[in-house]
C-alpha atoms as a PDB file:
ATOM      1  CA  MET A   1    -164.006 -67.405 121.290  1.00  0.00           C
ATOM      2  CA  THR A   2    -161.714 -69.068 118.813  1.00  0.00           C
ATOM      3  CA  GLU A   3    -159.510 -66.880 116.688  1.00  0.00           C
ATOM      4  CA  THR A   4    -159.530 -67.561 112.960  1.00  0.00           C
ATOM      5  CA  ARG A   5    -156.353 -68.069 110.981  1.00  0.00           C
ATOM      6  CA  GLU A   6    -156.694 -64.672 109.294  1.00  0.00           C
ATOM      7  CA  GLU A   7    -157.294 -62.904 112.619  1.00  0.00           C
ATOM      8  CA  TRP A   8    -154.136 -64.505 114.039  1.00  0.00           C
ATOM      9  CA  ILE A   9    -152.120 -63.400 111.001  1.00  0.00           C
ATOM     10  CA  ARG A  10    -153.515 -59.868 111.204  1.00  0.00           C
ATOM     11  CA  LYS A  11    -152.646 -59.549 114.898  1.00  0.00           C
ATOM     12  CA  ARG A  12    -149.164 -60.983 114.390  1.00  0.00           C
ATOM     13  CA  ALA A  13    -148.480 -58.686 111.414  1.00  0.00           C
ATOM     14  CA  TYR A  14    -149.568 -55.725 113.536  1.00  0.00           C
ATOM     15  CA  ALA A  15    -147.254 -56.827 116.361  1.00  0.00           C
ATOM     16  CA  LEU A  16    -144.351 -57.144 113.910  1.00  0.00           C
ATOM     17  CA  TRP A  17    -145.096 -53.641 112.599  1.00  0.00           C
ATOM     18  CA  GLU A  18    -145.067 -52.254 116.135  1.00  0.00           C
ATOM     19  CA  GLU A  19    -141.848 -54.127 117.027  1.00  0.00           C
ATOM     20  CA  GLU A  20    -140.104 -52.501 114.060  1.00  0.00           C
ATOM     21  CA  GLY A  21    -141.134 -49.014 115.146  1.00  0.00           C
ATOM     22  CA  ARG A  22    -144.227 -48.691 112.902  1.00  0.00           C
ATOM     23  CA  PRO A  23    -142.433 -48.155 109.584  1.00  0.00           C
ATOM     24  CA  THR A  24    -144.423 -47.163 106.514  1.00  0.00           C
ATOM     25  CA  GLY A  25    -144.536 -49.307 103.401  1.00  0.00           C
ATOM     26  CA  ARG A  26    -143.702 -52.635 105.059  1.00  0.00           C
ATOM     27  CA  ASP A  27    -147.230 -53.977 105.475  1.00  0.00           C
ATOM     28  CA  PHE A  28    -146.816 -56.709 102.857  1.00  0.00           C
ATOM     29  CA  THR A  29    -143.547 -57.874 104.442  1.00  0.00           C
ATOM     30  CA  HIS A  30    -145.124 -58.049 107.895  1.00  0.00           C
ATOM     31  CA  TRP A  31    -148.189 -59.870 106.546  1.00  0.00           C
ATOM     32  CA  GLU A  32    -146.050 -62.444 104.720  1.00  0.00           C
ATOM     33  CA  GLN A  33    -143.848 -63.002 107.772  1.00  0.00           C
ATOM     34  CA  ALA A  34    -146.928 -63.498 109.971  1.00  0.00           C
ATOM     35  CA  ARG A  35    -148.442 -65.881 107.407  1.00  0.00           C
ATOM     36  CA  ALA A  36    -145.219 -67.900 107.268  1.00  0.00           C
ATOM     37  CA  GLU A  37    -145.048 -68.056 111.076  1.00  0.00           C
ATOM     38  CA  ARG A  38    -148.652 -69.298 111.244  1.00  0.00           C
ATOM     39  CA  GLN A  39    -147.965 -71.902 108.580  1.00  0.00           C
ATOM     40  CA  ALA A  40    -144.915 -73.105 110.524  1.00  0.00           C
ATOM     41  CA  LEU A  41    -146.980 -73.341 113.702  1.00  0.00           C
ATOM     42  CA  GLU A  42    -149.643 -75.358 111.928  1.00  0.00           C
ATOM     43  CA  GLY A  43    -147.000 -77.806 110.762  1.00  0.00           C
ATOM     44  CA  SER A  44    -145.284 -78.101 114.152  1.00  0.00           C
ATOM     45  CA  ALA A  45    -146.174 -79.680 117.461  1.00  0.00           C
ATOM     46  CA  ALA A  46    -147.134 -76.252 118.846  1.00  0.00           C
ATOM     47  CA  SER A  47    -150.725 -75.177 119.142  1.00  0.00           C
ATOM     48  CA  PRO A  48    -151.956 -72.391 116.818  1.00  0.00           C
ATOM     49  CA  ASP A  49    -151.556 -69.778 119.552  1.00  0.00           C
ATOM     50  CA  GLY A  50    -147.938 -70.863 120.037  1.00  0.00           C
ATOM     51  CA  LYS A  51    -148.360 -71.226 123.784  1.00  0.00           C
ATOM     52  CA  GLU A  52    -148.804 -74.951 124.227  1.00  0.00           C
ATOM     53  CA  VAL A  53    -146.683 -77.707 122.798  1.00  0.00           C
ATOM     54  CA  LYS A  54    -148.514 -80.901 122.081  1.00  0.00           C
ATOM     55  CA  THR A  55    -146.525 -83.935 123.102  1.00  0.00           C
ATOM     56  CA  ARG A  56    -146.134 -86.902 120.827  1.00  0.00           C
ATOM     57  CA  LYS A  57    -145.832 -90.418 122.147  1.00  0.00           C
ATOM     58  CA  ARG A  58    -142.445 -91.992 121.633  1.00  0.00           C
ATOM     59  CA  THR A  59    -142.371 -95.596 120.632  1.00  0.00           C
ATOM     60  CA  ALA A  60    -139.682 -98.065 121.560  1.00  0.00           C
ATOM     61  CA  SER A  61    -138.561 -98.260 117.946  1.00  0.00           C
ATOM     62  CA  ALA A  62    -138.206 -94.465 117.756  1.00  0.00           C
ATOM     63  CA  SER A  63    -136.014 -94.299 120.850  1.00  0.00           C
ATOM     64  CA  THR A  64    -133.745 -97.100 119.612  1.00  0.00           C
ATOM     65  CA  ALA A  65    -133.724 -96.108 115.953  1.00  0.00           C
ATOM     66  CA  ASN A  66    -130.171 -94.804 116.166  1.00  0.00           C
ATOM     67  CA  GLY A  67    -128.965 -97.889 118.019  1.00  0.00           C
ATOM     68  CA  ALA A  68    -129.002 -96.282 121.446  1.00  0.00           C
ATOM     69  CA  ILE A  69    -130.565 -98.177 124.287  1.00  0.00           C
ATOM     70  CA  LYS A  70    -132.210 -96.153 127.018  1.00  0.00           C
ATOM     71  CA  GLY A  71    -130.003 -95.952 130.094  1.00  0.00           C
ATOM     72  CA  SER A  72    -126.886 -97.315 128.409  1.00  0.00           C
ATOM     73  CA  ALA A  73    -123.596 -95.505 128.261  1.00  0.00           C
ATOM     74  CA  PRO A  74    -122.419 -94.124 124.908  1.00  0.00           C
ATOM     75  CA  ARG A  75    -120.253 -96.478 122.886  1.00  0.00           C
ATOM     76  CA  LYS A  76    -116.577 -95.795 122.555  1.00  0.00           C
ATOM     77  CA  THR A  77    -115.145 -95.990 119.073  1.00  0.00           C
ATOM     78  CA  ALA A  78    -111.959 -97.973 118.608  1.00  0.00           C
ATOM     79  CA  GLY A  79    -109.023 -95.926 117.395  1.00  0.00           C
ATOM     80  CA  ARG A  80    -110.316 -92.596 118.692  1.00  0.00           C
ATOM     81  CA  LYS A  81    -108.561 -90.836 121.515  1.00  0.00           C
ATOM     82  CA  SER A  82    -110.403 -88.344 123.672  1.00  0.00           C
ATOM     83  CA  ALA A  83    -108.981 -84.877 123.981  1.00  0.00           C
END
């Protein structure tokens, strides 16, 4: 059974409440934190349950975007002395 977004938020808010020692009057704070965490997960490479990270293919242009070539040694900068 797939968990809905609201169910995930509710369970996470409850877990946050328990982690903080079940304080009174912090339900809105826990709900907002859980909602923000879910939103961050939805925008990341992680799956909604936070357990699996989806991998993204790297293209040749992405790996050489900063000028580095795979397997090459880092460039030395003229004028700099290593400590």
